Amino acid sequence: MFSSYAIQGVPLDARRQPRQSDLDVIAADWIEALGDPMSHYFTDIEQNGQTIATLSANNVGSLWNAAQGRLTLTFDLPLQTSAQPRAGSISVRVADPTFFVAYEFDREQLSQASRLPEGCTTEYIPARQLDPVTASRLASIPSSQTEPPPELLAITRTLQHRIELSCSPS
């Protein structure tokens, strides 16, 4: 639904698709909004329960998939300082806690992890399905409320796609 919303009013070309130049404008606006400290690209990176700080997103791109009617935003989110993978597993989660926008990792790119230290592996853990009780609770949040209550946020964190990076001690 968000993809339809995002291209609403955008002129379509002869193939009934948005022009790439218009998608690039949408992507630039989208990434600027996602950079807000509250949403922070809907990405959480932690090691041993501590947040790993990141810089602003770069290498922003957008793609329209006509067959799926889906707009995809891609970007890199560099770390502020180098991570120390042998100091404990690193978890990367991505999701909109309000479930207005669907986010997930590109599974094909996940299998192409590059520059991993020797003895390190990644594991993709798919999101659990949104159960009817949680869905109902999310739907009942007033539109004036910008974020779910803390107890509901704790539940929605378990519904996020995540990657776990683990390394054997050196």
Protein backbone atom coordinates (compact mmCIF):
# COMPACT_ATOMS: atom_id res chain seq x y z
CA MET A 1 0.00 0.00 0.00
CA PHE A 2 2.85 2.38 0.75
CA SER A 3 4.20 1.98 -2.79
CA SER A 4 0.83 3.06 -4.21
CA TYR A 5 0.76 5.99 -1.82
CA ALA A 6 4.33 7.01 -2.67
CA ILE A 7 3.71 7.30 -6.42
CA GLN A 8 0.23 8.83 -6.14
CA GLY A 9 0.08 11.76 -8.54
CA VAL A 10 3.38 10.86 -10.25
CA PRO A 11 3.05 10.92 -14.05
CA LEU A 12 3.42 7.52 -15.71
CA ASP A 13 5.31 6.82 -18.92
CA ALA A 14 3.98 4.99 -21.98
CA ARG A 15 4.45 1.64 -20.18
CA ARG A 16 2.33 2.98 -17.27
CA GLN A 17 5.35 3.14 -14.97
CA PRO A 18 6.82 6.09 -13.06
CA ARG A 19 9.91 7.65 -14.61
CA GLN A 20 13.20 6.95 -12.84
CA SER A 21 13.79 10.68 -12.38
CA ASP A 22 10.54 10.89 -10.38
CA LEU A 23 11.49 7.80 -8.35
CA ASP A 24 14.84 9.43 -7.56
CA VAL A 25 13.04 12.49 -6.16
CA ILE A 26 10.79 10.22 -4.07
CA ALA A 27 13.85 8.32 -2.81
CA ALA A 28 15.66 11.54 -1.84
CA ASP A 29 12.60 12.79 0.10
CA TRP A 30 12.04 9.37 1.63
CA ILE A 31 15.62 8.94 2.84
CA GLU A 32 15.63 12.45 4.31
CA ALA A 33 12.48 11.66 6.29
CA LEU A 34 13.86 8.29 7.38
CA GLY A 35 16.99 9.99 8.71
CA ASP A 36 14.95 11.54 11.52
CA PRO A 37 16.44 10.43 14.85
CA MET A 38 13.10 8.93 15.95
CA SER A 39 12.84 6.52 13.01
CA HIS A 40 16.56 6.33 12.12
CA TYR A 41 15.96 4.50 8.84
CA PHE A 42 13.87 1.95 10.81
CA THR A 43 17.19 0.20 11.42
CA ASP A 44 18.59 -0.92 14.77
CA ILE A 45 22.13 -2.24 15.06
CA GLU A 46 23.21 -3.62 18.41
CA GLN A 47 26.09 -5.51 19.93
CA ASN A 48 25.66 -7.06 23.35
CA GLY A 49 22.53 -4.95 23.87
CA GLN A 50 24.33 -1.68 23.08
CA THR A 51 23.37 0.45 20.08
CA ILE A 52 26.01 0.81 17.38
CA ALA A 53 25.88 4.36 16.01
CA THR A 54 25.66 4.96 12.28
CA LEU A 55 26.26 7.82 9.91
CA SER A 56 23.70 9.14 7.44
CA ALA A 57 22.53 6.84 4.67
CA ASN A 58 24.32 7.01 1.34
CA ASN A 59 24.22 5.24 -2.04
CA VAL A 60 20.46 5.79 -2.10
CA GLY A 61 18.57 4.17 -4.95
CA SER A 62 15.01 3.40 -5.93
CA LEU A 63 13.43 0.86 -8.22
CA TRP A 64 9.88 0.32 -9.42
CA ASN A 65 8.82 -3.31 -9.84
CA ALA A 66 5.85 -3.14 -12.20
CA ALA A 67 4.93 -6.82 -11.80
CA GLN A 68 4.60 -6.44 -8.02
CA GLY A 69 3.50 -2.80 -8.01
CA ARG A 70 6.27 -2.22 -5.46
CA LEU A 71 8.66 0.66 -4.93
CA THR A 72 11.97 -0.41 -3.40
CA LEU A 73 14.36 1.92 -1.64
CA THR A 74 17.96 0.82 -1.21
CA PHE A 75 20.72 2.49 0.75
CA ASP A 76 23.90 1.87 2.69
CA LEU A 77 24.03 2.76 6.37
CA PRO A 78 27.70 3.05 7.37
CA LEU A 79 28.80 2.62 10.99
CA GLN A 80 30.27 5.64 12.81
CA THR A 81 33.19 3.52 13.97
CA SER A 82 34.38 0.07 13.00
CA ALA A 83 32.56 -2.76 14.73
CA GLN A 84 34.48 -5.38 16.65
CA PRO A 85 32.67 -8.57 15.61
CA ARG A 86 34.63 -10.82 17.95
CA ALA A 87 33.41 -8.77 20.96
CA GLY A 88 29.96 -10.39 20.70
CA SER A 89 27.29 -11.06 18.12
CA ILE A 90 25.93 -8.10 16.21
CA SER A 91 22.22 -7.86 15.44
CA VAL A 92 20.77 -5.75 12.63
CA ARG A 93 16.98 -5.29 12.65
CA VAL A 94 14.88 -3.39 10.16
CA ALA A 95 11.17 -2.62 10.47
CA ASP A 96 8.59 0.08 10.90
CA PRO A 97 7.20 -0.55 14.41
CA THR A 98 3.82 0.82 13.30
CA PHE A 99 3.71 -1.67 10.38
CA PHE A 100 2.63 1.07 7.97
CA VAL A 101 5.58 0.34 5.68
CA ALA A 102 6.96 -3.15 5.05
CA TYR A 103 10.73 -3.43 5.26
CA GLU A 104 12.89 -6.44 4.67
CA PHE A 105 16.40 -7.36 3.68
CA ASP A 106 17.24 -8.27 0.10
CA ARG A 107 17.74 -12.03 0.50
CA GLU A 108 19.91 -12.28 -2.61
CA GLN A 109 22.32 -9.67 -1.26
CA LEU A 110 22.36 -11.34 2.15
CA SER A 111 23.97 -14.39 0.62
CA GLN A 112 26.68 -12.17 -0.82
CA ALA A 113 28.01 -10.79 2.48
CA SER A 114 31.40 -9.33 1.75
CA ARG A 115 34.41 -8.41 3.84
CA LEU A 116 33.48 -10.70 6.73
CA PRO A 117 36.40 -11.53 8.97
CA GLU A 118 37.56 -15.14 8.89
CA GLY A 119 35.54 -17.30 11.26
CA CYS A 120 32.43 -15.08 11.02
CA THR A 121 29.01 -16.02 9.70
CA THR A 122 25.71 -14.27 9.18
CA GLU A 123 22.26 -15.70 9.77
CA TYR A 124 19.06 -14.20 8.41
CA ILE A 125 16.15 -14.55 10.83
CA PRO A 126 12.83 -13.77 9.15
CA ALA A 127 10.17 -11.82 10.96
CA ARG A 128 7.48 -13.74 12.80
CA GLN A 129 4.02 -13.29 11.34
CA LEU A 130 1.89 -10.51 12.78
CA ASP A 131 -0.67 -12.27 14.97
CA PRO A 132 -4.30 -11.09 15.05
CA VAL A 133 -4.13 -9.79 18.64
CA THR A 134 -1.07 -7.62 17.95
CA ALA A 135 -2.56 -6.48 14.63
CA SER A 136 -5.73 -5.41 16.41
CA ARG A 137 -3.75 -3.53 19.07
CA LEU A 138 -1.70 -1.75 16.39
CA ALA A 139 -4.87 -0.85 14.47
CA SER A 140 -6.42 0.66 17.60
CA ILE A 141 -3.61 3.20 18.11
CA PRO A 142 -5.01 6.69 17.49
CA SER A 143 -3.65 8.42 14.39
CA SER A 144 -2.47 11.29 16.61
CA GLN A 145 -0.05 8.91 18.38
CA THR A 146 3.26 8.75 16.50
CA GLU A 147 4.60 5.55 18.05
CA PRO A 148 3.12 2.45 19.67
CA PRO A 149 3.24 2.24 23.48
CA PRO A 150 6.45 0.70 24.92
CA GLU A 151 4.91 -2.70 25.69
CA LEU A 152 3.63 -2.99 22.12
CA LEU A 153 7.00 -1.86 20.72
CA ALA A 154 8.62 -4.71 22.65
CA ILE A 155 6.25 -7.13 20.90
CA THR A 156 6.80 -5.63 17.45
CA ARG A 157 10.59 -5.96 17.84
CA THR A 158 10.09 -9.73 17.69
CA LEU A 159 8.30 -9.29 14.36
CA GLN A 160 11.28 -7.64 12.66
CA HIS A 161 13.57 -9.13 10.05
CA ARG A 162 17.09 -9.36 11.40
CA ILE A 163 20.59 -10.48 10.60
CA GLU A 164 22.86 -11.91 13.26
CA LEU A 165 26.62 -11.69 12.74
CA SER A 166 28.61 -14.09 14.92
CA CYS A 167 32.35 -14.67 15.01
CA SER A 168 34.38 -17.35 16.70
CA PRO A 169 36.95 -16.02 19.19
CA SER A 170 40.36 -15.48 17.64
